[in-house]
Each structure stands twice: as structure tokens, then as C-alpha cells.
């Protein structure tokens, strides 16, 4: 292959990569503003919270309810504090490498970012206990019926990998974000098309709540809820 042909091919590859970014961002913005409406006849039996840290979204559920006792699998003993008084547990799905190898953005490695973006990494569920949850600019309360909540529980449970006894698999690590969280093995792969926020959006769709047609970012979800 001649140098001229090599440079031409390289140029087209670079142009293609550069072109993908604005197309991706435009698609993300447009599709996240298209609403999936809340199911008709939705009840107000259970309160669930949608929260964000400014980048990543979690869904916060009652730690114990008549539907499920999450603490049977998301054990307090897997956290540093081992505090059994928390009334809520938050679920956030994401790339395992990001979770365990990137405690701060300054620690982000190019290899971790590329692996995650391309969907080559494995995933993890981040579970965090809270004693209290309140509505503010980073938290939205979502009311749903018992039947809808059961569907949400099924969606979240189905995102965990389990052992031969059908129990969630805890990931022993010191990369915790605080004293009240733990990590578990999860199903699926993170990518730029299926991010942590896409998982949350799909969770809301699964139980008939307002959601985006598609979103990779938290801003789309909070737009749908007037934030």
C-alpha cells in the first residue's frame, strides 16, 4: 500500500470518528426529549426516587416492603458501616471497570474508558443504603402502583448475576464510595449506547413510568420530570 493511499484511508477513518461525535450528541439530545408517557391508571402505592450525582442515576427503593426484602440479598454486612437502620437502598448499574478502578475522574484510565465505551467490559450493580431520601434538584419522587412496583423489582433483580443458589454475588473490594455501599456482579455490558442512565431509563419503562425514548445521559431523564 502506498503512503498516499495509507494517508487517505487514515483521513477517512479520522473523519468518520469526528463525524460520529456530533451525530451521537444530537441523537442523545433529540431522543431524550421524546417522552414515553406514564401508564394510564398508575397508582400511588409505593414511592421510588430517581436520583443523580450529576452524571450517573440511581433508583432508590424501600429496603423492605411487602413485595421484597432487599436486605436478604443486599446485605448490610457487605458495607463498611454494617448499619441496619437504613430504610432505603439505591441501585445503579454500570461498567465494572469504572466502578472499581475509577474512584475519581482523575483516576480514569484510557484503557478503562475505551473498554467501557465499546462494550467490552463486564458490569456491576452499585447498591447504596440511605436512612432518608428527600426531593430536591437531584432527586425526584415517583409514585407507582403495587403491580408496577413488582415489575420494577423484577427488572432490577433480573439485572444481577447470581450464583448456583440464585443469590446475588457480592464483589469484595475496597473501592467503596462510602460506608454504606457495596458492589455486586451484574448482567450485560456498558457501552456508549447502553449506559448507566439507559439502564435506569429502561427500568422506568419496565414499570410504566414516564421515561425518555432513549437517553445515555441523566439530563434527559430529569428533563422528563421537569428538572
C-alpha atoms as a PDB file:
ATOM      1  CA  UNK A   1       0.000   0.000   0.000  1.00  0.00           C
ATOM      2  CA  UNK A   2       1.380   3.413  -0.957  1.00  0.00           C
ATOM      3  CA  UNK A   3       1.888   6.220   1.531  1.00  0.00           C
ATOM      4  CA  UNK A   4      -0.711   8.282  -0.333  1.00  0.00           C
ATOM      5  CA  UNK A   5      -3.331   5.550  -0.038  1.00  0.00           C
ATOM      6  CA  UNK A   6      -2.481   4.959   3.620  1.00  0.00           C
ATOM      7  CA  UNK A   7      -2.907   8.666   4.402  1.00  0.00           C
ATOM      8  CA  UNK A   8      -6.202   8.719   2.507  1.00  0.00           C
ATOM      9  CA  UNK A   9      -7.577   5.776   4.473  1.00  0.00           C
ATOM     10  CA  UNK A  10      -6.362   7.299   7.735  1.00  0.00           C
ATOM     11  CA  UNK A  11      -8.033  10.571   6.820  1.00  0.00           C
ATOM     12  CA  UNK A  12     -11.366   8.876   6.164  1.00  0.00           C
ATOM     13  CA  UNK A  13     -11.145   6.978   9.464  1.00  0.00           C
ATOM     14  CA  UNK A  14     -10.421  10.169  11.419  1.00  0.00           C
ATOM     15  CA  UNK A  15     -13.213  11.999   9.591  1.00  0.00           C
ATOM     16  CA  UNK A  16     -15.603   9.180  10.423  1.00  0.00           C
ATOM     17  CA  UNK A  17     -14.724   9.270  14.110  1.00  0.00           C
ATOM     18  CA  UNK A  18     -15.028  13.070  14.254  1.00  0.00           C
ATOM     19  CA  UNK A  19     -18.417  12.904  12.497  1.00  0.00           C
ATOM     20  CA  UNK A  20     -19.792  10.301  14.912  1.00  0.00           C
ATOM     21  CA  UNK A  21     -19.493  12.574  17.959  1.00  0.00           C
ATOM     22  CA  UNK A  22     -21.930  15.331  16.871  1.00  0.00           C
ATOM     23  CA  UNK A  23     -24.338  12.725  15.460  1.00  0.00           C
ATOM     24  CA  UNK A  24     -24.266  10.848  18.777  1.00  0.00           C
ATOM     25  CA  UNK A  25     -24.801  14.002  20.834  1.00  0.00           C
ATOM     26  CA  UNK A  26     -27.602  15.236  18.576  1.00  0.00           C
ATOM     27  CA  UNK A  27     -29.318  11.840  18.728  1.00  0.00           C
ATOM     28  CA  UNK A  28     -28.930  11.722  22.505  1.00  0.00           C
ATOM     29  CA  UNK A  29     -30.460  15.175  22.891  1.00  0.00           C
ATOM     30  CA  UNK A  30     -33.324  14.597  20.456  1.00  0.00           C
ATOM     31  CA  UNK A  31     -34.357  11.116  21.590  1.00  0.00           C
ATOM     32  CA  UNK A  32     -34.101  12.020  25.279  1.00  0.00           C
ATOM     33  CA  UNK A  33     -36.635  14.826  24.724  1.00  0.00           C
ATOM     34  CA  UNK A  34     -39.178  12.437  23.206  1.00  0.00           C
ATOM     35  CA  UNK A  35     -41.356  11.220  26.071  1.00  0.00           C
ATOM     36  CA  UNK A  36     -42.583   7.747  26.861  1.00  0.00           C
ATOM     37  CA  UNK A  37     -45.730   8.592  28.798  1.00  0.00           C
ATOM     38  CA  UNK A  38     -46.675   7.217  32.163  1.00  0.00           C
ATOM     39  CA  UNK A  39     -49.000   4.250  32.016  1.00  0.00           C
ATOM     40  CA  UNK A  40     -52.692   5.079  32.321  1.00  0.00           C
ATOM     41  CA  UNK A  41     -54.225   4.177  35.668  1.00  0.00           C
ATOM     42  CA  UNK A  42     -50.939   4.301  37.565  1.00  0.00           C
ATOM     43  CA  UNK A  43     -51.443   4.125  41.312  1.00  0.00           C
ATOM     44  CA  UNK A  44     -49.754   5.804  44.255  1.00  0.00           C
ATOM     45  CA  UNK A  45     -48.942   2.829  46.445  1.00  0.00           C
ATOM     46  CA  UNK A  46     -45.130   2.897  46.510  1.00  0.00           C
ATOM     47  CA  UNK A  47     -42.654   5.800  46.408  1.00  0.00           C
ATOM     48  CA  UNK A  48     -39.460   5.322  44.393  1.00  0.00           C
ATOM     49  CA  UNK A  49     -36.818   8.015  43.939  1.00  0.00           C
ATOM     50  CA  UNK A  50     -34.787   8.863  40.850  1.00  0.00           C
ATOM     51  CA  UNK A  51     -31.500  10.473  41.945  1.00  0.00           C
ATOM     52  CA  UNK A  52     -28.368  11.733  40.206  1.00  0.00           C
ATOM     53  CA  UNK A  53     -24.854  12.731  41.197  1.00  0.00           C
ATOM     54  CA  UNK A  54     -24.702  14.977  38.138  1.00  0.00           C
ATOM     55  CA  UNK A  55     -23.628  12.203  35.767  1.00  0.00           C
ATOM     56  CA  UNK A  56     -24.961   8.877  36.979  1.00  0.00           C
ATOM     57  CA  UNK A  57     -28.528   7.998  38.030  1.00  0.00           C
ATOM     58  CA  UNK A  58     -29.759   5.553  40.657  1.00  0.00           C
ATOM     59  CA  UNK A  59     -33.202   4.326  41.602  1.00  0.00           C
ATOM     60  CA  UNK A  60     -33.896   4.363  45.341  1.00  0.00           C
ATOM     61  CA  UNK A  61     -36.368   1.804  46.662  1.00  0.00           C
ATOM     62  CA  UNK A  62     -37.645   0.819  50.108  1.00  0.00           C
ATOM     63  CA  UNK A  63     -35.142  -1.583  51.626  1.00  0.00           C
ATOM     64  CA  UNK A  64     -38.032  -3.673  52.938  1.00  0.00           C
ATOM     65  CA  UNK A  65     -41.618  -3.878  51.753  1.00  0.00           C
ATOM     66  CA  UNK A  66     -44.364  -6.459  51.354  1.00  0.00           C
ATOM     67  CA  UNK A  67     -43.054  -7.006  47.825  1.00  0.00           C
ATOM     68  CA  UNK A  68     -39.447  -7.822  48.694  1.00  0.00           C
ATOM     69  CA  UNK A  69     -36.888  -7.553  51.462  1.00  0.00           C
ATOM     70  CA  UNK A  70     -33.828  -6.419  49.521  1.00  0.00           C
ATOM     71  CA  UNK A  71     -31.630  -6.888  52.583  1.00  0.00           C
ATOM     72  CA  UNK A  72     -31.916 -10.651  52.176  1.00  0.00           C
ATOM     73  CA  UNK A  73     -29.523 -10.267  49.225  1.00  0.00           C
ATOM     74  CA  UNK A  74     -28.148  -6.721  49.558  1.00  0.00           C
ATOM     75  CA  UNK A  75     -26.763  -7.382  52.998  1.00  0.00           C
ATOM     76  CA  UNK A  76     -25.874  -4.661  55.462  1.00  0.00           C
ATOM     77  CA  UNK A  77     -22.879  -6.787  56.413  1.00  0.00           C
ATOM     78  CA  UNK A  78     -21.370  -6.201  52.956  1.00  0.00           C
ATOM     79  CA  UNK A  79     -20.984  -2.479  53.715  1.00  0.00           C
ATOM     80  CA  UNK A  80     -18.277  -0.872  55.834  1.00  0.00           C
ATOM     81  CA  UNK A  81     -20.726   0.573  58.381  1.00  0.00           C
ATOM     82  CA  UNK A  82     -22.918  -2.545  58.627  1.00  0.00           C
ATOM     83  CA  UNK A  83     -25.667  -0.144  59.749  1.00  0.00           C
ATOM     84  CA  UNK A  84     -29.007  -1.986  59.791  1.00  0.00           C
ATOM     85  CA  UNK A  85     -31.155   1.123  60.304  1.00  0.00           C
ATOM     86  CA  UNK A  86     -31.205   2.295  56.664  1.00  0.00           C
ATOM     87  CA  UNK A  87     -34.724   2.368  55.238  1.00  0.00           C
ATOM     88  CA  UNK A  88     -33.820   2.708  51.550  1.00  0.00           C
ATOM     89  CA  UNK A  89     -31.470   1.091  49.076  1.00  0.00           C
ATOM     90  CA  UNK A  90     -30.322   2.660  45.798  1.00  0.00           C
ATOM     91  CA  UNK A  91     -29.487   0.661  42.686  1.00  0.00           C
ATOM     92  CA  UNK A  92     -27.145   1.870  39.964  1.00  0.00           C
ATOM     93  CA  UNK A  93     -25.982  -0.366  37.133  1.00  0.00           C
ATOM     94  CA  UNK A  94     -22.730   0.404  35.339  1.00  0.00           C
ATOM     95  CA  UNK A  95     -19.375  -0.653  33.973  1.00  0.00           C
ATOM     96  CA  UNK A  96     -17.401  -2.711  36.479  1.00  0.00           C
ATOM     97  CA  UNK A  97     -14.097  -1.099  35.498  1.00  0.00           C
ATOM     98  CA  UNK A  98     -15.446   2.393  36.018  1.00  0.00           C
ATOM     99  CA  UNK A  99     -16.871   1.453  39.392  1.00  0.00           C
ATOM    100  CA  UNK A 100     -13.883  -0.394  40.808  1.00  0.00           C
ATOM    101  CA  UNK A 101     -10.922   1.250  39.087  1.00  0.00           C
ATOM    102  CA  UNK A 102     -12.012   4.898  38.943  1.00  0.00           C
ATOM    103  CA  UNK A 103     -12.674   6.344  42.406  1.00  0.00           C
ATOM    104  CA  UNK A 104     -12.351   9.876  40.946  1.00  0.00           C
ATOM    105  CA  UNK A 105     -12.320  11.275  37.403  1.00  0.00           C
ATOM    106  CA  UNK A 106      -8.606  11.982  37.863  1.00  0.00           C
ATOM    107  CA  UNK A 107      -8.076   8.218  38.144  1.00  0.00           C
ATOM    108  CA  UNK A 108      -9.782   7.423  34.846  1.00  0.00           C
ATOM    109  CA  UNK A 109      -7.546   5.377  32.555  1.00  0.00           C
ATOM    110  CA  UNK A 110      -7.859   5.483  28.781  1.00  0.00           C
ATOM    111  CA  UNK A 111      -7.962   1.676  28.679  1.00  0.00           C
ATOM    112  CA  UNK A 112     -10.937   1.578  31.089  1.00  0.00           C
ATOM    113  CA  UNK A 113     -12.798   4.292  29.185  1.00  0.00           C
ATOM    114  CA  UNK A 114     -12.256   2.663  25.785  1.00  0.00           C
ATOM    115  CA  UNK A 115     -13.215  -0.781  27.028  1.00  0.00           C
ATOM    116  CA  UNK A 116     -16.410   0.566  28.558  1.00  0.00           C
ATOM    117  CA  UNK A 117     -17.356   2.767  25.602  1.00  0.00           C
ATOM    118  CA  UNK A 118     -17.004  -0.130  23.184  1.00  0.00           C
ATOM    119  CA  UNK A 119     -18.958  -2.583  25.337  1.00  0.00           C
ATOM    120  CA  UNK A 120     -16.051  -4.917  26.082  1.00  0.00           C
ATOM    121  CA  UNK A 121     -16.173  -4.688  29.861  1.00  0.00           C
ATOM    122  CA  UNK A 122     -18.286  -6.553  32.383  1.00  0.00           C
ATOM    123  CA  UNK A 123     -20.858  -4.788  34.543  1.00  0.00           C
ATOM    124  CA  UNK A 124     -21.629  -4.331  38.212  1.00  0.00           C
ATOM    125  CA  UNK A 125     -24.526  -3.168  40.355  1.00  0.00           C
ATOM    126  CA  UNK A 126     -23.761  -0.491  42.916  1.00  0.00           C
ATOM    127  CA  UNK A 127     -26.094  -0.703  45.923  1.00  0.00           C
ATOM    128  CA  UNK A 128     -26.157   2.106  48.482  1.00  0.00           C
ATOM    129  CA  UNK A 129     -28.161   2.285  51.697  1.00  0.00           C
ATOM    130  CA  UNK A 130     -29.832   5.520  52.801  1.00  0.00           C
ATOM    131  CA  UNK A 131     -31.613   6.389  56.021  1.00  0.00           C
ATOM    132  CA  UNK A 132     -33.572   9.231  54.437  1.00  0.00           C
ATOM    133  CA  UNK A 133     -34.369  10.411  50.915  1.00  0.00           C
ATOM    134  CA  UNK A 134     -35.906  13.756  50.012  1.00  0.00           C
ATOM    135  CA  UNK A 135     -36.924  15.542  46.835  1.00  0.00           C
ATOM    136  CA  UNK A 136     -34.684  18.325  45.544  1.00  0.00           C
ATOM    137  CA  UNK A 137     -32.945  19.327  42.302  1.00  0.00           C
ATOM    138  CA  UNK A 138     -31.108  15.987  42.215  1.00  0.00           C
ATOM    139  CA  UNK A 139     -33.956  13.758  43.409  1.00  0.00           C
ATOM    140  CA  UNK A 140     -37.437  13.064  42.030  1.00  0.00           C
ATOM    141  CA  UNK A 141     -40.147  11.096  43.827  1.00  0.00           C
ATOM    142  CA  UNK A 142     -42.049   8.717  41.556  1.00  0.00           C
ATOM    143  CA  UNK A 143     -45.268   7.148  42.808  1.00  0.00           C
ATOM    144  CA  UNK A 144     -46.414   3.836  41.331  1.00  0.00           C
ATOM    145  CA  UNK A 145     -48.919   1.073  41.919  1.00  0.00           C
ATOM    146  CA  UNK A 146     -48.101  -2.182  43.687  1.00  0.00           C
ATOM    147  CA  UNK A 147     -48.276  -4.026  40.372  1.00  0.00           C
ATOM    148  CA  UNK A 148     -45.895  -1.565  38.721  1.00  0.00           C
ATOM    149  CA  UNK A 149     -43.505  -1.779  41.635  1.00  0.00           C
ATOM    150  CA  UNK A 150     -43.480  -5.563  41.315  1.00  0.00           C
ATOM    151  CA  UNK A 151     -42.434  -5.154  37.681  1.00  0.00           C
ATOM    152  CA  UNK A 152     -39.648  -2.777  38.690  1.00  0.00           C
ATOM    153  CA  UNK A 153     -38.443  -5.284  41.290  1.00  0.00           C
ATOM    154  CA  UNK A 154     -38.359  -7.983  38.616  1.00  0.00           C
ATOM    155  CA  UNK A 155     -36.363  -5.725  36.278  1.00  0.00           C
ATOM    156  CA  UNK A 156     -33.763  -4.907  38.928  1.00  0.00           C
ATOM    157  CA  UNK A 157     -33.471  -8.498  40.154  1.00  0.00           C
ATOM    158  CA  UNK A 158     -33.022  -9.620  36.551  1.00  0.00           C
ATOM    159  CA  UNK A 159     -30.016  -7.303  36.187  1.00  0.00           C
ATOM    160  CA  UNK A 160     -27.991  -9.187  38.824  1.00  0.00           C
ATOM    161  CA  UNK A 161     -25.817 -12.180  38.101  1.00  0.00           C
ATOM    162  CA  UNK A 162     -26.465 -14.973  40.581  1.00  0.00           C
ATOM    163  CA  UNK A 163     -24.602 -17.999  41.874  1.00  0.00           C
ATOM    164  CA  UNK A 164     -25.787 -21.619  41.711  1.00  0.00           C
ATOM    165  CA  UNK A 165     -28.105 -20.948  44.649  1.00  0.00           C
ATOM    166  CA  UNK A 166     -29.659 -17.951  42.840  1.00  0.00           C
ATOM    167  CA  UNK A 167     -28.086 -15.487  45.276  1.00  0.00           C
ATOM    168  CA  UNK A 168     -26.583 -12.148  44.291  1.00  0.00           C
ATOM    169  CA  UNK A 169     -22.788 -12.231  44.007  1.00  0.00           C
ATOM    170  CA  UNK A 170     -21.039  -9.665  46.177  1.00  0.00           C
ATOM    171  CA  UNK A 171     -17.791  -8.189  44.826  1.00  0.00           C
ATOM    172  CA  UNK A 172     -15.244  -7.884  47.654  1.00  0.00           C
ATOM    173  CA  UNK A 173     -13.459  -4.556  47.184  1.00  0.00           C
ATOM    174  CA  UNK A 174     -12.052  -1.542  48.975  1.00  0.00           C
ATOM    175  CA  UNK A 175     -13.234   0.749  46.173  1.00  0.00           C
ATOM    176  CA  UNK A 176     -16.401   1.685  48.015  1.00  0.00           C
ATOM    177  CA  UNK A 177     -17.730   5.236  47.619  1.00  0.00           C
ATOM    178  CA  UNK A 178     -18.636   5.495  51.296  1.00  0.00           C
ATOM    179  CA  UNK A 179     -19.534   3.466  54.363  1.00  0.00           C
ATOM    180  CA  UNK A 180     -22.969   2.317  53.204  1.00  0.00           C
ATOM    181  CA  UNK A 181     -22.433   0.831  49.747  1.00  0.00           C
ATOM    182  CA  UNK A 182     -21.378  -2.429  48.126  1.00  0.00           C
ATOM    183  CA  UNK A 183     -20.923  -3.849  44.622  1.00  0.00           C
ATOM    184  CA  UNK A 184     -22.466  -6.931  43.031  1.00  0.00           C
ATOM    185  CA  UNK A 185     -21.912  -8.788  39.779  1.00  0.00           C
ATOM    186  CA  UNK A 186     -24.395  -7.745  37.097  1.00  0.00           C
ATOM    187  CA  UNK A 187     -25.555  -8.854  33.679  1.00  0.00           C
ATOM    188  CA  UNK A 188     -24.923  -7.047  30.413  1.00  0.00           C
ATOM    189  CA  UNK A 189     -22.238  -4.727  29.094  1.00  0.00           C
ATOM    190  CA  UNK A 190     -21.934  -0.976  29.334  1.00  0.00           C
ATOM    191  CA  UNK A 191     -21.386   0.977  26.103  1.00  0.00           C
ATOM    192  CA  UNK A 192     -21.992   4.457  24.740  1.00  0.00           C
ATOM    193  CA  UNK A 193     -25.391   3.175  23.593  1.00  0.00           C
ATOM    194  CA  UNK A 194     -26.296   1.420  26.837  1.00  0.00           C
ATOM    195  CA  UNK A 195     -25.060   3.483  29.757  1.00  0.00           C
ATOM    196  CA  UNK A 196     -25.970   3.546  33.427  1.00  0.00           C
ATOM    197  CA  UNK A 197     -28.652   6.100  32.592  1.00  0.00           C
ATOM    198  CA  UNK A 198     -30.012   3.949  29.766  1.00  0.00           C
ATOM    199  CA  UNK A 199     -30.413   1.155  32.334  1.00  0.00           C
ATOM    200  CA  UNK A 200     -32.341   3.493  34.642  1.00  0.00           C
ATOM    201  CA  UNK A 201     -34.486   4.735  31.758  1.00  0.00           C
ATOM    202  CA  UNK A 202     -35.319   1.157  30.772  1.00  0.00           C
ATOM    203  CA  UNK A 203     -36.161   0.382  34.406  1.00  0.00           C
ATOM    204  CA  UNK A 204     -38.749   3.177  34.403  1.00  0.00           C
ATOM    205  CA  UNK A 205     -40.151   1.946  31.097  1.00  0.00           C
ATOM    206  CA  UNK A 206     -40.450  -1.567  32.517  1.00  0.00           C
ATOM    207  CA  UNK A 207     -42.866  -0.399  35.214  1.00  0.00           C
ATOM    208  CA  UNK A 208     -44.914   2.030  33.148  1.00  0.00           C
ATOM    209  CA  UNK A 209     -43.399   5.332  34.323  1.00  0.00           C
ATOM    210  CA  UNK A 210     -42.524   8.452  32.374  1.00  0.00           C
ATOM    211  CA  UNK A 211     -39.227   7.986  30.554  1.00  0.00           C
ATOM    212  CA  UNK A 212     -37.185   9.001  27.502  1.00  0.00           C
ATOM    213  CA  UNK A 213     -37.417   7.207  24.195  1.00  0.00           C
ATOM    214  CA  UNK A 214     -33.656   6.701  24.701  1.00  0.00           C
ATOM    215  CA  UNK A 215     -31.009   8.500  26.714  1.00  0.00           C
ATOM    216  CA  UNK A 216     -27.361   7.900  27.604  1.00  0.00           C
ATOM    217  CA  UNK A 217     -27.303  10.910  29.974  1.00  0.00           C
ATOM    218  CA  UNK A 218     -29.018  11.827  33.247  1.00  0.00           C
ATOM    219  CA  UNK A 219     -30.170  15.180  31.850  1.00  0.00           C
ATOM    220  CA  UNK A 220     -32.733  13.523  29.590  1.00  0.00           C
ATOM    221  CA  UNK A 221     -34.390  11.732  32.495  1.00  0.00           C
ATOM    222  CA  UNK A 222     -34.535  14.825  34.665  1.00  0.00           C
ATOM    223  CA  UNK A 223     -35.908  16.828  31.733  1.00  0.00           C
ATOM    224  CA  UNK A 224     -38.834  14.399  31.592  1.00  0.00           C
ATOM    225  CA  UNK A 225     -39.547  15.092  35.263  1.00  0.00           C
ATOM    226  CA  UNK A 226     -39.346  18.869  34.961  1.00  0.00           C
ATOM    227  CA  UNK A 227     -35.916  19.375  36.465  1.00  0.00           C
END
